[in-house]
Amino acid sequence: MSITYGYQHFPEGTDEEAALNKILQNAIDQGLHFISDADARPAGGAHPLAHLWDNGTDPAAELLRLLELRAHALSTFSEKNIPTGMPLAELERVLVPLYFAHRYQVEATAKVLGGMYYTYAVRGDGQQPTRMVPAPAQREALDALLKTLSPEVLAIPGRILALIPPQPIGHFRGREHFKGRTGPTLDPLSAAESAAAHTISFVLHPQRAARLVEFHARQPQMPGLAEVIDQLINASWKTPEETPYHAEIGRVVDMLLLHQLFYLGTHPQASFQTKAITRLKIQQLHAWLNDQLRSETNADQKAHLLLAIAEIDQWLDEPEEIQVPQPLPMPDGSPIGCMGG
């Protein structure tokens, strides 16, 4: 359609402006949409169909499908994923794009939450300028995003961890390896941190948070920021894990969420009500943590609770002064496989 509009030759005497407008109207009638790259790239983007790297017709359904495919691929991952004679450490390079296979679909699904369909409408073209994403679709997107924060999804199986040694002499960690804090060994907790931080940062982006507040005020059936934060807290802090490995990953997710709330509650571009709701939810979490601390007997969890309470105390007293640690980033994505280590 773009090529036709840009290069169509018309017979002599044709009203070219009318003919070009007819091409545009044909595109509109066929349901073809255009959203600019400038609108599709930002993390705070609002259009639920404007994204660079997603698949499928339903972003949330596609995210769930990708998680199933990813789980299946991880279940069959083995030394056979590299050629015979290659150092087993190279399995990490193969594992990275599989582990983060859902990263772009997370971004696309996040745009459904607090999302708005819109067109670059002009007067007289008959297009609907704006329409909020229906509330059920927004909640389905949130449910799918919450699944990416579960330790069951974030945990690299111990069977795989046992296969991958540190890099041998002459091989080095590069831009497409996991980031970590354990020196030469593969760090599964940091891998989970990178993946979970990706989801949380998109869900609680200041611009998305502001839209959640606004849309909920205009149409109360829409999910509001308070509901979204409650759902995140329920899926992390308030969901107990059965194994020590999963519990440790859960603690990573807990702190990532807390730090993102700190970030959102003091962000210079966050709306007044965004900051107000965020502060309320942090205070409510603080009260819940203190209640949990009174009965907690597990030493690791007790230490976790004490750290969170101390950080909240500091943030409530001097929110602008607390230094919120930055989560480890994911390995470089597109263009993957390029030179650079």
Protein backbone atom coordinates (compact mmCIF):
# COMPACT_ATOMS: atom_id res chain seq x y z
CA MET A 1 0.00 0.00 0.00
CA SER A 2 2.87 2.37 0.79
CA ILE A 3 4.55 1.62 -2.55
CA THR A 4 1.27 2.14 -4.40
CA TYR A 5 0.73 5.47 -2.71
CA GLY A 6 4.28 6.64 -3.31
CA TYR A 7 4.82 5.46 -6.89
CA GLN A 8 1.44 4.97 -8.59
CA HIS A 9 1.21 6.62 -12.02
CA PHE A 10 -2.22 7.91 -12.97
CA PRO A 11 -3.68 8.49 -16.45
CA GLU A 12 -3.54 12.04 -17.74
CA GLY A 13 -6.40 14.13 -16.42
CA THR A 14 -6.76 12.14 -13.18
CA ASP A 15 -7.46 14.11 -10.03
CA GLU A 16 -4.28 12.94 -8.32
CA GLU A 17 -5.20 14.17 -4.85
CA ALA A 18 -8.53 12.32 -4.98
CA ALA A 19 -6.82 9.19 -6.33
CA LEU A 20 -4.23 9.24 -3.54
CA ASN A 21 -6.92 9.74 -0.93
CA LYS A 22 -8.75 6.72 -2.38
CA ILE A 23 -5.62 4.59 -1.84
CA LEU A 24 -5.50 5.71 1.78
CA GLN A 25 -9.20 5.00 2.21
CA ASN A 26 -8.73 1.52 0.76
CA ALA A 27 -6.05 0.89 3.38
CA ILE A 28 -8.36 2.08 6.15
CA ASP A 29 -11.23 -0.05 4.82
CA GLN A 30 -8.94 -3.13 4.86
CA GLY A 31 -8.00 -2.52 8.49
CA LEU A 32 -4.38 -1.66 7.70
CA HIS A 33 -2.79 0.50 10.39
CA PHE A 34 0.38 2.53 10.55
CA ILE A 35 2.09 3.55 13.78
CA SER A 36 5.47 5.20 13.54
CA ASP A 37 8.76 3.76 14.74
CA ALA A 38 8.95 6.63 17.22
CA ASP A 39 5.72 5.37 18.82
CA ALA A 40 6.60 1.66 18.61
CA ARG A 41 10.03 1.69 20.25
CA PRO A 42 9.60 3.46 23.62
CA ALA A 43 9.16 1.36 26.77
CA GLY A 44 6.23 3.58 27.74
CA GLY A 45 4.48 3.13 24.39
CA ALA A 46 0.68 2.99 24.47
CA HIS A 47 -0.51 1.34 21.24
CA PRO A 48 -1.10 -2.40 21.87
CA LEU A 49 -0.30 -3.34 18.26
CA ALA A 50 2.78 -1.16 17.78
CA HIS A 51 5.91 -3.14 18.54
CA LEU A 52 9.00 -4.10 16.61
CA TRP A 53 9.56 -7.75 17.42
CA ASP A 54 6.34 -9.42 18.59
CA ASN A 55 4.37 -12.19 16.91
CA GLY A 56 0.75 -13.29 16.72
CA THR A 57 -2.51 -11.37 16.80
CA ASP A 58 -2.95 -11.37 20.60
CA PRO A 59 0.17 -10.22 22.51
CA ALA A 60 -0.79 -11.92 25.80
CA ALA A 61 -1.76 -15.22 24.18
CA GLU A 62 1.48 -15.20 22.21
CA LEU A 63 3.47 -14.58 25.39
CA LEU A 64 1.88 -17.63 27.01
CA ARG A 65 2.60 -19.68 23.88
CA LEU A 66 6.23 -18.59 23.89
CA LEU A 67 6.58 -19.53 27.55
CA GLU A 68 5.32 -23.03 26.73
CA LEU A 69 7.75 -23.36 23.81
CA ARG A 70 10.58 -22.05 25.98
CA ALA A 71 9.78 -24.55 28.75
CA HIS A 72 9.79 -27.41 26.24
CA ALA A 73 13.11 -26.30 24.76
CA LEU A 74 14.68 -26.01 28.22
CA SER A 75 13.45 -29.51 29.08
CA THR A 76 15.38 -30.95 26.11
CA PHE A 77 18.45 -28.69 26.38
CA SER A 78 21.65 -30.74 26.52
CA GLU A 79 25.25 -30.88 25.34
CA LYS A 80 23.82 -31.83 21.95
CA ASN A 81 23.01 -28.14 21.46
CA ILE A 82 26.66 -27.57 20.44
CA PRO A 83 28.91 -29.54 18.06
CA THR A 84 31.15 -32.33 19.30
CA GLY A 85 34.54 -30.96 20.30
CA MET A 86 33.27 -27.50 21.25
CA PRO A 87 33.91 -26.41 24.87
CA LEU A 88 30.85 -27.06 27.03
CA ALA A 89 31.13 -23.49 28.25
CA GLU A 90 29.75 -22.48 24.86
CA LEU A 91 26.40 -23.91 25.95
CA GLU A 92 25.86 -20.66 27.82
CA ARG A 93 25.93 -18.71 24.58
CA VAL A 94 23.26 -21.03 23.18
CA LEU A 95 21.22 -20.90 26.38
CA VAL A 96 20.99 -17.11 26.55
CA PRO A 97 18.63 -16.49 23.60
CA LEU A 98 16.50 -19.46 24.69
CA TYR A 99 16.24 -18.28 28.29
CA PHE A 100 15.27 -14.77 27.16
CA ALA A 101 13.13 -15.96 24.24
CA HIS A 102 10.10 -14.13 25.62
CA ARG A 103 11.81 -10.77 26.13
CA TYR A 104 10.28 -8.95 23.15
CA GLN A 105 6.84 -10.44 23.69
CA VAL A 106 6.96 -9.14 27.28
CA GLU A 107 7.43 -5.64 25.89
CA ALA A 108 4.54 -6.08 23.47
CA THR A 109 2.22 -7.48 26.14
CA ALA A 110 3.06 -4.66 28.54
CA LYS A 111 1.73 -2.20 25.97
CA VAL A 112 -1.72 -3.76 26.30
CA LEU A 113 -1.75 -2.73 29.96
CA GLY A 114 -2.80 0.90 30.14
CA GLY A 115 -2.94 0.71 26.36
CA MET A 116 -4.89 2.75 23.85
CA TYR A 117 -5.69 2.06 20.22
CA TYR A 118 -5.20 5.20 18.19
CA THR A 119 -4.73 6.34 14.62
CA TYR A 120 -3.14 9.36 13.00
CA ALA A 121 -6.61 10.41 11.98
CA VAL A 122 -7.29 13.52 9.93
CA ARG A 123 -10.54 15.36 9.64
CA GLY A 124 -12.92 13.63 7.29
CA ASP A 125 -11.17 10.25 6.95
CA GLY A 126 -13.67 8.43 9.18
CA GLN A 127 -11.08 6.83 11.43
CA GLN A 128 -11.67 6.46 15.16
CA PRO A 129 -8.91 8.57 16.77
CA THR A 130 -8.65 6.81 20.14
CA ARG A 131 -10.05 3.83 22.03
CA MET A 132 -8.87 2.37 25.33
CA VAL A 133 -7.90 -1.29 25.32
CA PRO A 134 -10.86 -3.14 26.90
CA ALA A 135 -10.45 -3.98 30.58
CA PRO A 136 -10.57 -7.80 30.12
CA ALA A 137 -7.72 -7.66 27.60
CA GLN A 138 -5.66 -5.51 29.97
CA ARG A 139 -6.14 -7.96 32.84
CA GLU A 140 -5.31 -10.91 30.59
CA ALA A 141 -2.08 -9.14 29.66
CA LEU A 142 -1.24 -8.53 33.32
CA ASP A 143 -1.88 -12.20 34.16
CA ALA A 144 0.47 -13.29 31.38
CA LEU A 145 3.15 -10.85 32.51
CA LEU A 146 2.90 -12.08 36.10
CA LYS A 147 3.71 -15.61 34.90
CA THR A 148 7.09 -14.40 33.68
CA LEU A 149 7.93 -13.48 37.30
CA SER A 150 7.31 -16.93 38.76
CA PRO A 151 10.38 -18.91 39.89
CA GLU A 152 9.10 -21.85 37.85
CA VAL A 153 9.71 -19.74 34.74
CA LEU A 154 12.82 -17.92 35.94
CA ALA A 155 14.76 -20.91 37.32
CA ILE A 156 17.41 -22.44 35.08
CA PRO A 157 17.11 -26.17 35.79
CA GLY A 158 19.90 -27.63 37.90
CA ARG A 159 20.50 -30.23 35.20
CA ILE A 160 21.50 -27.44 32.79
CA LEU A 161 23.58 -25.58 35.37
CA ALA A 162 25.59 -28.75 36.00
CA LEU A 163 26.51 -28.91 32.29
CA ILE A 164 28.04 -25.44 31.91
CA PRO A 165 31.54 -24.78 33.31
CA PRO A 166 33.37 -21.43 33.38
CA GLN A 167 34.99 -20.21 30.18
CA PRO A 168 38.21 -22.07 29.30
CA ILE A 169 41.46 -20.34 28.41
CA GLY A 170 41.13 -18.38 25.19
CA HIS A 171 37.37 -17.92 25.60
CA PHE A 172 35.76 -14.90 27.18
CA ARG A 173 32.37 -13.71 28.33
CA GLY A 174 30.89 -11.17 25.92
CA ARG A 175 27.84 -9.09 25.15
CA GLU A 176 25.65 -12.15 24.53
CA HIS A 177 26.42 -13.95 27.80
CA PHE A 178 24.53 -13.74 31.08
CA LYS A 179 25.52 -10.95 33.43
CA GLY A 180 26.38 -12.18 36.93
CA ARG A 181 27.83 -11.65 40.37
CA THR A 182 29.50 -15.02 40.98
CA GLY A 183 32.75 -14.49 39.13
CA PRO A 184 33.54 -17.06 36.44
CA THR A 185 30.55 -19.34 37.15
CA LEU A 186 27.15 -19.03 35.54
CA ASP A 187 24.91 -17.13 37.96
CA PRO A 188 21.29 -18.35 37.72
CA LEU A 189 20.00 -15.83 40.28
CA SER A 190 21.37 -12.95 38.24
CA ALA A 191 19.85 -14.42 35.08
CA ALA A 192 16.49 -14.46 36.88
CA GLU A 193 17.13 -10.89 38.05
CA SER A 194 17.69 -9.65 34.51
CA ALA A 195 14.56 -11.34 33.18
CA ALA A 196 12.31 -10.28 36.05
CA ALA A 197 13.58 -6.70 36.06
CA HIS A 198 12.71 -6.50 32.37
CA THR A 199 9.06 -7.35 33.04
CA ILE A 200 8.71 -5.19 36.15
CA SER A 201 10.26 -2.13 34.53
CA PHE A 202 7.79 -2.31 31.65
CA VAL A 203 4.73 -2.91 33.83
CA LEU A 204 5.59 -0.05 36.19
CA HIS A 205 6.93 2.40 33.63
CA PRO A 206 6.04 5.95 34.80
CA GLN A 207 4.10 6.74 31.62
CA ARG A 208 2.16 3.48 31.80
CA ALA A 209 1.44 4.09 35.48
CA ALA A 210 0.07 7.54 34.68
CA ARG A 211 -2.24 6.09 32.03
CA LEU A 212 -3.47 3.44 34.45
CA VAL A 213 -4.42 6.22 36.87
CA GLU A 214 -6.07 8.32 34.17
CA PHE A 215 -7.95 5.52 32.39
CA HIS A 216 -9.25 4.12 35.70
CA ALA A 217 -10.50 7.60 36.66
CA ARG A 218 -12.33 7.97 33.35
CA GLN A 219 -13.66 4.42 33.26
CA PRO A 220 -13.59 2.75 36.70
CA GLN A 221 -13.87 -0.73 35.21
CA MET A 222 -10.35 -0.32 33.83
CA PRO A 223 -7.51 -1.71 35.95
CA GLY A 224 -5.94 1.06 37.99
CA LEU A 225 -2.39 1.46 39.25
CA ALA A 226 -3.34 0.29 42.75
CA GLU A 227 -4.76 -2.95 41.35
CA VAL A 228 -1.66 -3.58 39.26
CA ILE A 229 0.71 -3.00 42.18
CA ASP A 230 -1.40 -5.26 44.41
CA GLN A 231 -1.25 -8.00 41.80
CA LEU A 232 2.52 -7.68 41.53
CA ILE A 233 2.95 -7.85 45.31
CA ASN A 234 0.63 -10.85 45.56
CA ALA A 235 2.58 -12.66 42.86
CA SER A 236 5.94 -11.98 44.50
CA TRP A 237 6.13 -11.09 48.19
CA LYS A 238 2.91 -12.88 49.13
CA THR A 239 3.48 -16.11 47.16
CA PRO A 240 5.52 -18.67 49.16
CA GLU A 241 7.89 -20.98 47.30
CA GLU A 242 8.36 -24.68 47.99
CA THR A 243 12.09 -25.18 47.35
CA PRO A 244 15.10 -23.19 48.62
CA TYR A 245 16.22 -22.50 45.03
CA HIS A 246 12.83 -21.13 44.04
CA ALA A 247 12.60 -19.20 47.31
CA GLU A 248 15.90 -17.47 46.56
CA ILE A 249 14.70 -16.52 43.10
CA GLY A 250 11.48 -15.27 44.69
CA ARG A 251 13.51 -13.04 47.00
CA VAL A 252 15.28 -11.57 43.99
CA VAL A 253 11.92 -10.74 42.40
CA ASP A 254 10.64 -9.28 45.68
CA MET A 255 13.50 -6.80 45.92
CA LEU A 256 13.32 -5.89 42.25
CA LEU A 257 9.66 -4.97 42.68
CA LEU A 258 10.38 -2.96 45.83
CA HIS A 259 13.15 -1.03 44.10
CA GLN A 260 10.95 -0.33 41.07
CA LEU A 261 8.30 1.04 43.43
CA PHE A 262 10.96 3.29 44.99
CA TYR A 263 11.92 4.43 41.48
CA LEU A 264 8.31 5.06 40.47
CA GLY A 265 7.49 6.87 43.69
CA THR A 266 10.20 9.48 43.15
CA HIS A 267 10.43 9.64 39.35
CA PRO A 268 10.43 13.29 38.23
CA GLN A 269 7.98 12.54 35.41
CA ALA A 270 5.59 10.43 37.51
CA SER A 271 2.19 12.03 38.04
CA PHE A 272 1.16 13.24 41.48
CA GLN A 273 -1.36 10.42 41.91
CA THR A 274 1.15 7.86 40.66
CA LYS A 275 3.48 8.92 43.47
CA ALA A 276 0.64 8.97 45.99
CA ILE A 277 -0.59 5.47 45.15
CA THR A 278 2.93 4.10 45.05
CA ARG A 279 3.73 5.52 48.47
CA LEU A 280 0.52 4.06 49.90
CA LYS A 281 1.34 0.61 48.53
CA ILE A 282 4.89 0.78 49.89
CA GLN A 283 3.51 1.67 53.33
CA GLN A 284 1.00 -1.18 53.17
CA LEU A 285 3.77 -3.58 52.17
CA HIS A 286 5.88 -2.27 55.07
CA ALA A 287 3.09 -3.12 57.55
CA TRP A 288 2.68 -6.59 56.05
CA LEU A 289 6.43 -7.26 56.21
CA ASN A 290 6.50 -6.36 59.89
CA ASP A 291 3.62 -8.76 60.54
CA GLN A 292 5.47 -11.52 58.71
CA LEU A 293 8.68 -10.86 60.61
CA ARG A 294 7.03 -11.60 63.96
CA SER A 295 6.34 -15.22 63.02
CA GLU A 296 9.16 -15.95 60.53
CA THR A 297 11.53 -18.74 61.58
CA ASN A 298 13.53 -19.31 58.40
CA ALA A 299 16.82 -17.44 58.75
CA ASP A 300 17.16 -16.62 55.05
CA GLN A 301 13.63 -15.26 54.80
CA LYS A 302 14.01 -13.36 58.05
CA ALA A 303 17.12 -11.64 56.71
CA HIS A 304 15.20 -10.81 53.53
CA LEU A 305 12.35 -9.24 55.47
CA LEU A 306 14.69 -7.21 57.68
CA LEU A 307 16.52 -5.78 54.68
CA ALA A 308 13.27 -4.80 52.95
CA ILE A 309 11.90 -3.17 56.12
CA ALA A 310 15.11 -1.20 56.62
CA GLU A 311 15.12 0.01 53.01
CA ILE A 312 11.47 1.06 53.21
CA ASP A 313 12.14 2.91 56.47
CA GLN A 314 14.93 4.82 54.76
CA TRP A 315 12.84 5.52 51.66
CA LEU A 316 9.86 6.78 53.66
CA ASP A 317 12.12 9.13 55.64
CA GLU A 318 14.23 10.39 52.73
CA PRO A 319 12.87 9.11 49.42
CA GLU A 320 15.10 11.36 47.35
CA GLU A 321 18.25 10.27 49.16
CA ILE A 322 18.10 6.49 48.92
CA GLN A 323 20.30 5.02 46.23
CA VAL A 324 18.24 2.37 44.46
CA PRO A 325 20.57 -0.30 43.02
CA GLN A 326 20.25 -0.91 39.31
CA PRO A 327 19.34 -4.49 38.31
CA LEU A 328 21.69 -6.40 36.08
CA PRO A 329 20.75 -5.87 32.43
CA MET A 330 19.90 -8.62 30.03
CA PRO A 331 22.51 -9.59 27.45
CA ASP A 332 22.36 -7.59 24.25
CA GLY A 333 19.46 -8.54 22.04
CA SER A 334 18.94 -7.40 18.47
CA PRO A 335 20.94 -7.75 16.35
CA ILE A 336 21.91 -11.06 17.95
CA GLY A 337 24.85 -13.07 16.70
CA CYS A 338 26.91 -10.10 15.54
CA MET A 339 30.61 -9.75 16.18
CA GLY A 340 31.65 -8.26 19.48
CA GLY A 341 32.46 -11.18 21.77
